[in-house]
PDB file of N, CA and C in Angstrom:
ATOM      1  N   UNK A   1       0.845  -1.177   0.000  1.00  0.00           N
ATOM      2  CA  UNK A   1       0.000   0.000   0.000  1.00  0.00           C
ATOM      3  C   UNK A   1       0.893   1.244   0.000  1.00  0.00           C
ATOM      4  N   UNK A   2       0.637   2.146  -0.914  1.00  0.00           N
ATOM      5  CA  UNK A   2       1.390   3.384  -0.992  1.00  0.00           C
ATOM      6  C   UNK A   2       0.701   4.421  -0.121  1.00  0.00           C
ATOM      7  N   UNK A   3       1.453   5.002   0.747  1.00  0.00           N
ATOM      8  CA  UNK A   3       0.908   6.029   1.634  1.00  0.00           C
ATOM      9  C   UNK A   3       1.500   7.368   1.243  1.00  0.00           C
ATOM     10  N   UNK A   4       0.674   8.375   1.306  1.00  0.00           N
ATOM     11  CA  UNK A   4       1.161   9.700   0.930  1.00  0.00           C
ATOM     12  C   UNK A   4       1.942  10.317   2.089  1.00  0.00           C
ATOM     13  N   UNK A   5       2.844  11.192   1.700  1.00  0.00           N
ATOM     14  CA  UNK A   5       3.597  11.926   2.700  1.00  0.00           C
ATOM     15  C   UNK A   5       2.713  13.045   3.232  1.00  0.00           C
ATOM     16  N   UNK A   6       2.652  13.166   4.512  1.00  0.00           N
ATOM     17  CA  UNK A   6       1.828  14.194   5.134  1.00  0.00           C
ATOM     18  C   UNK A   6       2.727  15.151   5.901  1.00  0.00           C
ATOM     19  N   UNK A   7       2.173  16.281   6.237  1.00  0.00           N
ATOM     20  CA  UNK A   7       2.897  17.278   7.031  1.00  0.00           C
ATOM     21  C   UNK A   7       3.333  16.670   8.370  1.00  0.00           C
ATOM     22  N   UNK A   8       2.467  15.833   8.943  1.00  0.00           N
ATOM     23  CA  UNK A   8       2.782  15.204  10.227  1.00  0.00           C
ATOM     24  C   UNK A   8       3.976  14.262  10.100  1.00  0.00           C
ATOM     25  N   UNK A   9       3.965  13.414   9.065  1.00  0.00           N
ATOM     26  CA  UNK A   9       5.075  12.483   8.866  1.00  0.00           C
ATOM     27  C   UNK A   9       6.370  13.240   8.606  1.00  0.00           C
ATOM     28  N   UNK A  10       6.284  14.267   7.793  1.00  0.00           N
ATOM     29  CA  UNK A  10       7.472  15.066   7.493  1.00  0.00           C
ATOM     30  C   UNK A  10       8.039  15.702   8.759  1.00  0.00           C
ATOM     31  N   UNK A  11       7.180  16.201   9.628  1.00  0.00           N
ATOM     32  CA  UNK A  11       7.634  16.816  10.881  1.00  0.00           C
ATOM     33  C   UNK A  11       8.297  15.782  11.791  1.00  0.00           C
ATOM     34  N   UNK A  12       7.713  14.592  11.871  1.00  0.00           N
ATOM     35  CA  UNK A  12       8.283  13.518  12.700  1.00  0.00           C
ATOM     36  C   UNK A  12       9.645  13.109  12.155  1.00  0.00           C
ATOM     37  N   UNK A  13       9.737  12.916  10.843  1.00  0.00           N
ATOM     38  CA  UNK A  13      11.016  12.546  10.235  1.00  0.00           C
ATOM     39  C   UNK A  13      12.074  13.624  10.475  1.00  0.00           C
ATOM     40  N   UNK A  14      11.679  14.872  10.390  1.00  0.00           N
ATOM     41  CA  UNK A  14      12.616  15.968  10.612  1.00  0.00           C
ATOM     42  C   UNK A  14      13.166  15.918  12.044  1.00  0.00           C
ATOM     43  N   UNK A  15      12.291  15.670  13.009  1.00  0.00           N
ATOM     44  CA  UNK A  15      12.727  15.553  14.405  1.00  0.00           C
ATOM     45  C   UNK A  15      13.738  14.415  14.542  1.00  0.00           C
ATOM     46  N   UNK A  16      13.432  13.267  13.954  1.00  0.00           N
ATOM     47  CA  UNK A  16      14.297  12.096  14.105  1.00  0.00           C
ATOM     48  C   UNK A  16      15.613  12.236  13.358  1.00  0.00           C
ATOM     49  N   UNK A  17      15.605  12.916  12.240  1.00  0.00           N
ATOM     50  CA  UNK A  17      16.830  13.039  11.444  1.00  0.00           C
ATOM     51  C   UNK A  17      17.782  14.109  11.976  1.00  0.00           C
ATOM     52  N   UNK A  18      17.284  15.011  12.810  1.00  0.00           N
ATOM     53  CA  UNK A  18      18.167  16.050  13.317  1.00  0.00           C
ATOM     54  C   UNK A  18      18.704  15.732  14.720  1.00  0.00           C
ATOM     55  N   UNK A  19      18.401  14.557  15.217  1.00  0.00           N
ATOM     56  CA  UNK A  19      18.887  14.187  16.544  1.00  0.00           C
ATOM     57  C   UNK A  19      19.530  12.806  16.510  1.00  0.00           C
ATOM     58  N   UNK A  20      20.415  12.568  17.437  1.00  0.00           N
ATOM     59  CA  UNK A  20      20.957  11.217  17.612  1.00  0.00           C
ATOM     60  C   UNK A  20      20.677  10.720  19.023  1.00  0.00           C
ATOM     61  N   UNK A  21      19.637  11.298  19.647  1.00  0.00           N
ATOM     62  CA  UNK A  21      19.333  10.973  21.047  1.00  0.00           C
ATOM     63  C   UNK A  21      18.321   9.844  21.216  1.00  0.00           C
ATOM     64  N   UNK A  22      17.773   9.311  20.135  1.00  0.00           N
ATOM     65  CA  UNK A  22      16.823   8.204  20.210  1.00  0.00           C
ATOM     66  C   UNK A  22      15.623   8.551  21.097  1.00  0.00           C
ATOM     67  N   UNK A  23      14.831   9.542  20.703  1.00  0.00           N
ATOM     68  CA  UNK A  23      13.735  10.021  21.556  1.00  0.00           C
ATOM     69  C   UNK A  23      12.576   9.031  21.662  1.00  0.00           C
ATOM     70  N   UNK A  24      11.836   9.164  22.750  1.00  0.00           N
ATOM     71  CA  UNK A  24      10.604   8.400  22.934  1.00  0.00           C
ATOM     72  C   UNK A  24       9.500   9.052  22.111  1.00  0.00           C
ATOM     73  N   UNK A  25       8.383   8.370  21.975  1.00  0.00           N
ATOM     74  CA  UNK A  25       7.238   8.932  21.251  1.00  0.00           C
ATOM     75  C   UNK A  25       6.763  10.220  21.911  1.00  0.00           C
ATOM     76  N   UNK A  26       6.767  10.263  23.223  1.00  0.00           N
ATOM     77  CA  UNK A  26       6.338  11.483  23.932  1.00  0.00           C
ATOM     78  C   UNK A  26       7.265  12.659  23.652  1.00  0.00           C
ATOM     79  N   UNK A  27       8.567  12.401  23.595  1.00  0.00           N
ATOM     80  CA  UNK A  27       9.522  13.467  23.270  1.00  0.00           C
ATOM     81  C   UNK A  27       9.327  13.948  21.830  1.00  0.00           C
ATOM     82  N   UNK A  28       9.077  13.015  20.925  1.00  0.00           N
ATOM     83  CA  UNK A  28       8.819  13.375  19.530  1.00  0.00           C
ATOM     84  C   UNK A  28       7.555  14.225  19.456  1.00  0.00           C
ATOM     85  N   UNK A  29       6.530  13.813  20.178  1.00  0.00           N
ATOM     86  CA  UNK A  29       5.276  14.577  20.230  1.00  0.00           C
ATOM     87  C   UNK A  29       5.533  16.014  20.692  1.00  0.00           C
ATOM     88  N   UNK A  30       6.312  16.170  21.760  1.00  0.00           N
ATOM     89  CA  UNK A  30       6.618  17.504  22.285  1.00  0.00           C
ATOM     90  C   UNK A  30       7.326  18.365  21.240  1.00  0.00           C
ATOM     91  N   UNK A  31       8.246  17.772  20.488  1.00  0.00           N
ATOM     92  CA  UNK A  31       8.986  18.519  19.465  1.00  0.00           C
ATOM     93  C   UNK A  31       8.103  18.861  18.268  1.00  0.00           C
ATOM     94  N   UNK A  32       7.280  17.918  17.838  1.00  0.00           N
ATOM     95  CA  UNK A  32       6.413  18.151  16.678  1.00  0.00           C
ATOM     96  C   UNK A  32       5.366  19.213  17.007  1.00  0.00           C
ATOM     97  N   UNK A  33       4.918  19.264  18.252  1.00  0.00           N
ATOM     98  CA  UNK A  33       3.928  20.277  18.656  1.00  0.00           C
ATOM     99  C   UNK A  33       4.453  21.699  18.501  1.00  0.00           C
ATOM    100  N   UNK A  34       5.758  21.862  18.504  1.00  0.00           N
ATOM    101  CA  UNK A  34       6.335  23.193  18.293  1.00  0.00           C
ATOM    102  C   UNK A  34       6.087  23.683  16.867  1.00  0.00           C
ATOM    103  N   UNK A  35       5.921  22.737  15.935  1.00  0.00           N
ATOM    104  CA  UNK A  35       5.683  23.062  14.527  1.00  0.00           C
ATOM    105  C   UNK A  35       4.202  22.943  14.181  1.00  0.00           C
ATOM    106  N   UNK A  36       3.560  21.913  14.742  1.00  0.00           N
ATOM    107  CA  UNK A  36       2.133  21.656  14.496  1.00  0.00           C
ATOM    108  C   UNK A  36       1.443  21.621  15.863  1.00  0.00           C
ATOM    109  N   UNK A  37       1.070  22.773  16.410  1.00  0.00           N
ATOM    110  CA  UNK A  37       0.551  22.847  17.795  1.00  0.00           C
ATOM    111  C   UNK A  37      -0.696  22.001  18.060  1.00  0.00           C
ATOM    112  N   UNK A  38      -1.520  21.770  17.051  1.00  0.00           N
ATOM    113  CA  UNK A  38      -2.772  21.035  17.287  1.00  0.00           C
ATOM    114  C   UNK A  38      -2.661  19.541  17.003  1.00  0.00           C
ATOM    115  N   UNK A  39      -1.454  19.013  16.792  1.00  0.00           N
ATOM    116  CA  UNK A  39      -1.303  17.586  16.517  1.00  0.00           C
ATOM    117  C   UNK A  39      -1.630  16.789  17.785  1.00  0.00           C
ATOM    118  N   UNK A  40      -2.273  15.661  17.608  1.00  0.00           N
ATOM    119  CA  UNK A  40      -2.607  14.818  18.773  1.00  0.00           C
ATOM    120  C   UNK A  40      -1.519  13.772  18.983  1.00  0.00           C
ATOM    121  N   UNK A  41      -1.467  13.291  20.202  1.00  0.00           N
ATOM    122  CA  UNK A  41      -0.507  12.236  20.527  1.00  0.00           C
ATOM    123  C   UNK A  41      -0.810  10.977  19.707  1.00  0.00           C
ATOM    124  N   UNK A  42      -2.094  10.695  19.504  1.00  0.00           N
ATOM    125  CA  UNK A  42      -2.490   9.532  18.700  1.00  0.00           C
ATOM    126  C   UNK A  42      -1.979   9.620  17.277  1.00  0.00           C
ATOM    127  N   UNK A  43      -2.002  10.821  16.711  1.00  0.00           N
ATOM    128  CA  UNK A  43      -1.495  11.021  15.353  1.00  0.00           C
ATOM    129  C   UNK A  43       0.004  10.738  15.301  1.00  0.00           C
ATOM    130  N   UNK A  44       0.725  11.169  16.310  1.00  0.00           N
ATOM    131  CA  UNK A  44       2.164  10.900  16.354  1.00  0.00           C
ATOM    132  C   UNK A  44       2.413   9.400  16.450  1.00  0.00           C
ATOM    133  N   UNK A  45       1.718   8.709  17.335  1.00  0.00           N
ATOM    134  CA  UNK A  45       1.894   7.261  17.480  1.00  0.00           C
ATOM    135  C   UNK A  45       1.539   6.519  16.189  1.00  0.00           C
ATOM    136  N   UNK A  46       0.434   6.908  15.563  1.00  0.00           N
ATOM    137  CA  UNK A  46       0.018   6.275  14.302  1.00  0.00           C
ATOM    138  C   UNK A  46       1.068   6.465  13.216  1.00  0.00           C
ATOM    139  N   UNK A  47       1.585   7.681  13.107  1.00  0.00           N
ATOM    140  CA  UNK A  47       2.579   7.963  12.079  1.00  0.00           C
ATOM    141  C   UNK A  47       3.918   7.303  12.375  1.00  0.00           C
ATOM    142  N   UNK A  48       4.285   7.173  13.635  1.00  0.00           N
ATOM    143  CA  UNK A  48       5.497   6.428  13.975  1.00  0.00           C
ATOM    144  C   UNK A  48       5.368   4.976  13.510  1.00  0.00           C
ATOM    145  N   UNK A  49       4.204   4.386  13.718  1.00  0.00           N
ATOM    146  CA  UNK A  49       3.981   3.004  13.276  1.00  0.00           C
ATOM    147  C   UNK A  49       4.075   2.899  11.755  1.00  0.00           C
ATOM    148  N   UNK A  50       3.458   3.834  11.048  1.00  0.00           N
ATOM    149  CA  UNK A  50       3.505   3.823   9.580  1.00  0.00           C
ATOM    150  C   UNK A  50       4.946   3.976   9.094  1.00  0.00           C
ATOM    151  N   UNK A  51       5.672   4.924   9.665  1.00  0.00           N
ATOM    152  CA  UNK A  51       7.061   5.142   9.262  1.00  0.00           C
ATOM    153  C   UNK A  51       7.924   3.920   9.560  1.00  0.00           C
ATOM    154  N   UNK A  52       7.666   3.262  10.687  1.00  0.00           N
ATOM    155  CA  UNK A  52       8.402   2.042  11.030  1.00  0.00           C
ATOM    156  C   UNK A  52       8.053   0.917  10.062  1.00  0.00           C
ATOM    157  N   UNK A  53       6.760   0.751   9.782  1.00  0.00           N
ATOM    158  CA  UNK A  53       6.327  -0.301   8.857  1.00  0.00           C
ATOM    159  C   UNK A  53       6.894  -0.088   7.454  1.00  0.00           C
ATOM    160  N   UNK A  54       7.084   1.179   7.069  1.00  0.00           N
ATOM    161  CA  UNK A  54       7.656   1.510   5.757  1.00  0.00           C
ATOM    162  C   UNK A  54       9.187   1.544   5.787  1.00  0.00           C
ATOM    163  N   UNK A  55       9.760   1.152   6.931  1.00  0.00           N
ATOM    164  CA  UNK A  55      11.208   1.070   7.125  1.00  0.00           C
ATOM    165  C   UNK A  55      11.913   2.406   6.891  1.00  0.00           C
ATOM    166  N   UNK A  56      11.224   3.496   7.246  1.00  0.00           N
ATOM    167  CA  UNK A  56      11.826   4.820   7.163  1.00  0.00           C
ATOM    168  C   UNK A  56      12.485   5.205   8.479  1.00  0.00           C
ATOM    169  N   UNK A  57      12.059   4.554   9.569  1.00  0.00           N
ATOM    170  CA  UNK A  57      12.640   4.757  10.888  1.00  0.00           C
ATOM    171  C   UNK A  57      12.764   3.407  11.571  1.00  0.00           C
ATOM    172  N   UNK A  58      13.493   3.385  12.662  1.00  0.00           N
ATOM    173  CA  UNK A  58      13.622   2.163  13.464  1.00  0.00           C
ATOM    174  C   UNK A  58      13.072   2.407  14.856  1.00  0.00           C
ATOM    175  N   UNK A  59      12.534   1.342  15.434  1.00  0.00           N
ATOM    176  CA  UNK A  59      12.063   1.379  16.815  1.00  0.00           C
ATOM    177  C   UNK A  59      13.005   0.534  17.653  1.00  0.00           C
ATOM    178  N   UNK A  60      13.513   1.119  18.712  1.00  0.00           N
ATOM    179  CA  UNK A  60      14.367   0.392  19.640  1.00  0.00           C
ATOM    180  C   UNK A  60      13.540   0.058  20.867  1.00  0.00           C
ATOM    181  N   UNK A  61      13.310  -1.217  21.086  1.00  0.00           N
ATOM    182  CA  UNK A  61      12.531  -1.652  22.232  1.00  0.00           C
ATOM    183  C   UNK A  61      13.128  -2.964  22.699  1.00  0.00           C
ATOM    184  N   UNK A  62      14.191  -2.859  23.451  1.00  0.00           N
ATOM    185  CA  UNK A  62      14.875  -4.052  23.928  1.00  0.00           C
ATOM    186  C   UNK A  62      14.628  -4.238  25.413  1.00  0.00           C
ATOM    187  N   UNK A  63      14.454  -5.453  25.808  1.00  0.00           N
ATOM    188  CA  UNK A  63      14.273  -5.824  27.211  1.00  0.00           C
ATOM    189  C   UNK A  63      13.100  -5.116  27.863  1.00  0.00           C
ATOM    190  N   UNK A  64      12.038  -4.870  27.117  1.00  0.00           N
ATOM    191  CA  UNK A  64      10.833  -4.296  27.693  1.00  0.00           C
ATOM    192  C   UNK A  64      10.945  -2.852  28.112  1.00  0.00           C
ATOM    193  N   UNK A  65      11.931  -2.139  27.608  1.00  0.00           N
ATOM    194  CA  UNK A  65      12.071  -0.732  27.952  1.00  0.00           C
ATOM    195  C   UNK A  65      11.108   0.100  27.106  1.00  0.00           C
ATOM    196  N   UNK A  66      10.985   1.367  27.425  1.00  0.00           N
ATOM    197  CA  UNK A  66      10.161   2.275  26.639  1.00  0.00           C
ATOM    198  C   UNK A  66      10.740   2.351  25.232  1.00  0.00           C
ATOM    199  N   UNK A  67       9.887   2.274  24.233  1.00  0.00           N
ATOM    200  CA  UNK A  67      10.358   2.355  22.849  1.00  0.00           C
ATOM    201  C   UNK A  67      10.994   3.705  22.577  1.00  0.00           C
ATOM    202  N   UNK A  68      12.072   3.656  21.824  1.00  0.00           N
ATOM    203  CA  UNK A  68      12.747   4.859  21.349  1.00  0.00           C
ATOM    204  C   UNK A  68      12.845   4.730  19.839  1.00  0.00           C
ATOM    205  N   UNK A  69      12.963   5.854  19.156  1.00  0.00           N
ATOM    206  CA  UNK A  69      12.930   5.854  17.703  1.00  0.00           C
ATOM    207  C   UNK A  69      14.151   6.555  17.148  1.00  0.00           C
ATOM    208  N   UNK A  70      14.515   6.167  15.912  1.00  0.00           N
ATOM    209  CA  UNK A  70      15.633   6.821  15.249  1.00  0.00           C
ATOM    210  C   UNK A  70      15.431   6.829  13.745  1.00  0.00           C
ATOM    211  N   UNK A  71      15.990   7.859  13.139  1.00  0.00           N
ATOM    212  CA  UNK A  71      15.906   7.996  11.692  1.00  0.00           C
ATOM    213  C   UNK A  71      17.083   7.380  10.968  1.00  0.00           C
ATOM    214  N   UNK A  72      18.158   7.066  11.682  1.00  0.00           N
ATOM    215  CA  UNK A  72      19.359   6.482  11.086  1.00  0.00           C
ATOM    216  C   UNK A  72      19.085   5.036  10.710  1.00  0.00           C
ATOM    217  N   UNK A  73      18.983   4.766   9.428  1.00  0.00           N
ATOM    218  CA  UNK A  73      18.667   3.420   8.964  1.00  0.00           C
ATOM    219  C   UNK A  73      19.901   2.617   8.567  1.00  0.00           C
ATOM    220  N   UNK A  74      21.096   3.196   8.726  1.00  0.00           N
ATOM    221  CA  UNK A  74      22.320   2.449   8.474  1.00  0.00           C
ATOM    222  C   UNK A  74      22.485   1.439   9.606  1.00  0.00           C
ATOM    223  N   UNK A  75      22.849   0.221   9.270  1.00  0.00           N
ATOM    224  CA  UNK A  75      22.998  -0.816  10.289  1.00  0.00           C
ATOM    225  C   UNK A  75      24.038  -0.436  11.321  1.00  0.00           C
ATOM    226  N   UNK A  76      23.662  -0.491  12.592  1.00  0.00           N
ATOM    227  CA  UNK A  76      24.585  -0.175  13.673  1.00  0.00           C
ATOM    228  C   UNK A  76      24.051  -0.744  14.983  1.00  0.00           C
ATOM    229  N   UNK A  77      24.927  -0.812  15.965  1.00  0.00           N
ATOM    230  CA  UNK A  77      24.550  -1.283  17.284  1.00  0.00           C
ATOM    231  C   UNK A  77      24.365  -0.097  18.225  1.00  0.00           C
ATOM    232  N   UNK A  78      23.874  -0.405  19.434  1.00  0.00           N
ATOM    233  CA  UNK A  78      23.589   0.644  20.409  1.00  0.00           C
ATOM    234  C   UNK A  78      24.203   0.313  21.762  1.00  0.00           C
ATOM    235  N   UNK A  79      24.422   1.359  22.550  1.00  0.00           N
ATOM    236  CA  UNK A  79      24.860   1.244  23.937  1.00  0.00           C
ATOM    237  C   UNK A  79      23.852   2.005  24.783  1.00  0.00           C
ATOM    238  N   UNK A  80      23.307   1.356  25.813  1.00  0.00           N
ATOM    239  CA  UNK A  80      22.358   2.002  26.723  1.00  0.00           C
ATOM    240  C   UNK A  80      23.011   2.146  28.087  1.00  0.00           C
ATOM    241  N   UNK A  81      23.056   3.388  28.560  1.00  0.00           N
ATOM    242  CA  UNK A  81      23.619   3.656  29.891  1.00  0.00           C
ATOM    243  C   UNK A  81      22.584   3.278  30.942  1.00  0.00           C
ATOM    244  N   UNK A  82      22.968   2.426  31.864  1.00  0.00           N
ATOM    245  CA  UNK A  82      22.047   1.977  32.900  1.00  0.00           C
ATOM    246  C   UNK A  82      21.815   3.034  33.970  1.00  0.00           C
ATOM    247  N   UNK A  83      22.628   4.076  33.970  1.00  0.00           N
ATOM    248  CA  UNK A  83      22.469   5.134  34.962  1.00  0.00           C
ATOM    249  C   UNK A  83      21.578   6.262  34.428  1.00  0.00           C
ATOM    250  N   UNK A  84      21.947   6.866  33.293  1.00  0.00           N
ATOM    251  CA  UNK A  84      21.180   8.008  32.765  1.00  0.00           C
ATOM    252  C   UNK A  84      20.132   7.585  31.739  1.00  0.00           C
ATOM    253  N   UNK A  85      20.141   6.315  31.314  1.00  0.00           N
ATOM    254  CA  UNK A  85      19.164   5.736  30.387  1.00  0.00           C
ATOM    255  C   UNK A  85      19.303   6.222  28.942  1.00  0.00           C
ATOM    256  N   UNK A  86      20.348   7.010  28.644  1.00  0.00           N
ATOM    257  CA  UNK A  86      20.541   7.444  27.256  1.00  0.00           C
ATOM    258  C   UNK A  86      20.972   6.272  26.394  1.00  0.00           C
ATOM    259  N   UNK A  87      20.679   6.383  25.092  1.00  0.00           N
ATOM    260  CA  UNK A  87      21.054   5.368  24.114  1.00  0.00           C
ATOM    261  C   UNK A  87      21.995   6.023  23.111  1.00  0.00           C
ATOM    262  N   UNK A  88      23.117   5.374  22.845  1.00  0.00           N
ATOM    263  CA  UNK A  88      24.132   5.900  21.939  1.00  0.00           C
ATOM    264  C   UNK A  88      24.285   4.969  20.739  1.00  0.00           C
ATOM    265  N   UNK A  89      24.516   5.552  19.561  1.00  0.00           N
ATOM    266  CA  UNK A  89      24.875   4.768  18.384  1.00  0.00           C
ATOM    267  C   UNK A  89      26.330   4.344  18.509  1.00  0.00           C
ATOM    268  N   UNK A  90      26.636   3.130  18.084  1.00  0.00           N
ATOM    269  CA  UNK A  90      28.016   2.648  18.033  1.00  0.00           C
ATOM    270  C   UNK A  90      28.416   2.525  16.569  1.00  0.00           C
ATOM    271  N   UNK A  91      29.648   2.883  16.272  1.00  0.00           N
ATOM    272  CA  UNK A  91      30.125   2.890  14.891  1.00  0.00           C
ATOM    273  C   UNK A  91      30.506   1.513  14.359  1.00  0.00           C
ATOM    274  N   UNK A  92      30.532   0.516  15.199  1.00  0.00           N
ATOM    275  CA  UNK A  92      30.923  -0.815  14.752  1.00  0.00           C
ATOM    276  C   UNK A  92      29.932  -1.349  13.713  1.00  0.00           C
ATOM    277  N   UNK A  93      30.426  -1.942  12.638  1.00  0.00           N
ATOM    278  CA  UNK A  93      29.520  -2.478  11.621  1.00  0.00           C
ATOM    279  C   UNK A  93      28.735  -3.678  12.160  1.00  0.00           C
ATOM    280  N   UNK A  94      27.541  -3.846  11.627  1.00  0.00           N
ATOM    281  CA  UNK A  94      26.691  -4.978  12.012  1.00  0.00           C
ATOM    282  C   UNK A  94      27.309  -6.263  11.453  1.00  0.00           C
ATOM    283  N   UNK A  95      27.366  -7.283  12.269  1.00  0.00           N
ATOM    284  CA  UNK A  95      27.926  -8.571  11.876  1.00  0.00           C
ATOM    285  C   UNK A  95      26.853  -9.392  11.154  1.00  0.00           C
ATOM    286  N   UNK A  96      26.794  -9.255   9.839  1.00  0.00           N
ATOM    287  CA  UNK A  96      25.783  -9.960   9.048  1.00  0.00           C
ATOM    288  C   UNK A  96      26.040 -11.466   9.008  1.00  0.00           C
ATOM    289  N   UNK A  97      27.271 -11.874   9.281  1.00  0.00           N
ATOM    290  CA  UNK A  97      27.588 -13.299   9.334  1.00  0.00           C
ATOM    291  C   UNK A  97      26.824 -13.986  10.463  1.00  0.00           C
ATOM    292  N   UNK A  98      26.545 -13.242  11.511  1.00  0.00           N
ATOM    293  CA  UNK A  98      25.790 -13.792  12.634  1.00  0.00           C
ATOM    294  C   UNK A  98      24.387 -14.203  12.177  1.00  0.00           C
ATOM    295  N   UNK A  99      23.751 -13.394  11.321  1.00  0.00           N
ATOM    296  CA  UNK A  99      22.436 -13.746  10.780  1.00  0.00           C
ATOM    297  C   UNK A  99      22.508 -15.073  10.022  1.00  0.00           C
ATOM    298  N   UNK A 100      23.531 -15.218   9.194  1.00  0.00           N
ATOM    299  CA  UNK A 100      23.701 -16.448   8.399  1.00  0.00           C
ATOM    300  C   UNK A 100      23.946 -17.654   9.303  1.00  0.00           C
ATOM    301  N   UNK A 101      24.791 -17.449  10.319  1.00  0.00           N
ATOM    302  CA  UNK A 101      25.115 -18.538  11.246  1.00  0.00           C
ATOM    303  C   UNK A 101      23.863 -19.033  11.975  1.00  0.00           C
ATOM    304  N   UNK A 102      23.057 -18.101  12.476  1.00  0.00           N
ATOM    305  CA  UNK A 102      21.833 -18.477  13.188  1.00  0.00           C
ATOM    306  C   UNK A 102      20.856 -19.153  12.232  1.00  0.00           C
ATOM    307  N   UNK A 103      20.739 -18.634  11.024  1.00  0.00           N
ATOM    308  CA  UNK A 103      19.834 -19.232  10.027  1.00  0.00           C
ATOM    309  C   UNK A 103      20.248 -20.674   9.723  1.00  0.00           C
ATOM    310  N   UNK A 104      21.548 -20.900   9.560  1.00  0.00           N
ATOM    311  CA  UNK A 104      22.035 -22.250   9.268  1.00  0.00           C
ATOM    312  C   UNK A 104      21.788 -23.198  10.431  1.00  0.00           C
ATOM    313  N   UNK A 105      22.013 -22.729  11.658  1.00  0.00           N
ATOM    314  CA  UNK A 105      21.850 -23.587  12.835  1.00  0.00           C
ATOM    315  C   UNK A 105      20.392 -23.910  13.120  1.00  0.00           C
ATOM    316  N   UNK A 106      19.496 -22.966  12.842  1.00  0.00           N
ATOM    317  CA  UNK A 106      18.102 -23.131  13.256  1.00  0.00           C
ATOM    318  C   UNK A 106      17.137 -23.432  12.123  1.00  0.00           C
ATOM    319  N   UNK A 107      17.511 -23.072  10.894  1.00  0.00           N
ATOM    320  CA  UNK A 107      16.586 -23.188   9.785  1.00  0.00           C
ATOM    321  C   UNK A 107      15.628 -22.010   9.696  1.00  0.00           C
ATOM    322  N   UNK A 108      15.800 -21.031  10.578  1.00  0.00           N
ATOM    323  CA  UNK A 108      14.960 -19.826  10.550  1.00  0.00           C
ATOM    324  C   UNK A 108      15.404 -18.913   9.417  1.00  0.00           C
ATOM    325  N   UNK A 109      14.513 -18.082   8.962  1.00  0.00           N
ATOM    326  CA  UNK A 109      14.859 -17.044   7.997  1.00  0.00           C
ATOM    327  C   UNK A 109      15.082 -15.755   8.787  1.00  0.00           C
ATOM    328  N   UNK A 110      16.336 -15.396   8.983  1.00  0.00           N
ATOM    329  CA  UNK A 110      16.695 -14.233   9.783  1.00  0.00           C
ATOM    330  C   UNK A 110      16.698 -12.997   8.885  1.00  0.00           C
ATOM    331  N   UNK A 111      15.873 -12.006   9.237  1.00  0.00           N
ATOM    332  CA  UNK A 111      15.837 -10.749   8.484  1.00  0.00           C
ATOM    333  C   UNK A 111      16.914  -9.784   8.976  1.00  0.00           C
ATOM    334  N   UNK A 112      17.079  -9.691  10.277  1.00  0.00           N
ATOM    335  CA  UNK A 112      18.072  -8.802  10.882  1.00  0.00           C
ATOM    336  C   UNK A 112      18.154  -9.134  12.362  1.00  0.00           C
ATOM    337  N   UNK A 113      19.112  -8.528  13.031  1.00  0.00           N
ATOM    338  CA  UNK A 113      19.195  -8.659  14.483  1.00  0.00           C
ATOM    339  C   UNK A 113      19.496  -7.297  15.081  1.00  0.00           C
ATOM    340  N   UNK A 114      19.105  -7.138  16.334  1.00  0.00           N
ATOM    341  CA  UNK A 114      19.410  -5.937  17.091  1.00  0.00           C
ATOM    342  C   UNK A 114      20.298  -6.338  18.257  1.00  0.00           C
ATOM    343  N   UNK A 115      21.297  -5.539  18.487  1.00  0.00           N
ATOM    344  CA  UNK A 115      22.208  -5.816  19.592  1.00  0.00           C
ATOM    345  C   UNK A 115      22.394  -4.533  20.380  1.00  0.00           C
ATOM    346  N   UNK A 116      22.242  -4.655  21.681  1.00  0.00           N
ATOM    347  CA  UNK A 116      22.394  -3.497  22.555  1.00  0.00           C
ATOM    348  C   UNK A 116      23.383  -3.850  23.653  1.00  0.00           C
ATOM    349  N   UNK A 117      24.386  -3.025  23.782  1.00  0.00           N
ATOM    350  CA  UNK A 117      25.335  -3.158  24.865  1.00  0.00           C
ATOM    351  C   UNK A 117      24.827  -2.303  26.027  1.00  0.00           C
ATOM    352  N   UNK A 118      25.060  -2.752  27.246  1.00  0.00           N
ATOM    353  CA  UNK A 118      24.615  -2.005  28.423  1.00  0.00           C
ATOM    354  C   UNK A 118      25.771  -1.822  29.384  1.00  0.00           C
ATOM    355  N   UNK A 119      25.720  -0.711  30.078  1.00  0.00           N
ATOM    356  CA  UNK A 119      26.751  -0.400  31.059  1.00  0.00           C
ATOM    357  C   UNK A 119      26.590   1.044  31.508  1.00  0.00           C
ATOM    358  N   UNK A 120      27.705   1.678  31.816  1.00  0.00           N
ATOM    359  CA  UNK A 120      27.710   3.059  32.290  1.00  0.00           C
ATOM    360  C   UNK A 120      28.471   3.897  31.263  1.00  0.00           C
ATOM    361  N   UNK A 121      27.840   4.971  30.773  1.00  0.00           N
ATOM    362  CA  UNK A 121      28.503   5.830  29.773  1.00  0.00           C
ATOM    363  C   UNK A 121      29.615   6.639  30.439  1.00  0.00           C
ATOM    364  N   UNK A 122      30.466   7.239  29.628  1.00  0.00           N
ATOM    365  CA  UNK A 122      31.610   7.996  30.166  1.00  0.00           C
ATOM    366  C   UNK A 122      31.160   9.219  30.954  1.00  0.00           C
ATOM    367  N   UNK A 123      29.985   9.802  30.629  1.00  0.00           N
ATOM    368  CA  UNK A 123      29.490  10.963  31.380  1.00  0.00           C
ATOM    369  C   UNK A 123      29.046  10.588  32.788  1.00  0.00           C
ATOM    370  N   UNK A 124      28.620   9.352  32.987  1.00  0.00           N
ATOM    371  CA  UNK A 124      28.099   8.909  34.286  1.00  0.00           C
ATOM    372  C   UNK A 124      29.132   8.197  35.160  1.00  0.00           C
ATOM    373  N   UNK A 125      30.268   7.907  34.616  1.00  0.00           N
ATOM    374  CA  UNK A 125      31.304   7.177  35.377  1.00  0.00           C
ATOM    375  C   UNK A 125      31.862   8.011  36.495  1.00  0.00           C
TER     376      UNK A 125
END
């Protein structure tokens, strides 16, 4: 299904592409309201789902934490600080061989994997 680009989607994408902080839906809502004051939270959530389904953004939701979103679609890993809860992009390339290895061992069709490192960031040490 082809979906049209809307002012709301464009505003959400702009927020995500100008930050590397991996904001929550509520933070995205707060930022988009600065441009579109009458936007509803439901509209933001709906558009985040559409953008994710269209693979224009990624949703980070590991270990049952609050979902965070990002516009960077280049394959990369993340580091989550257990003290301040910030999420950082890591420059290490994604190990695509791991997908192949798991597929061979299990017979599953692996589309991708997410890997998150956890610990204490340098600002919190």
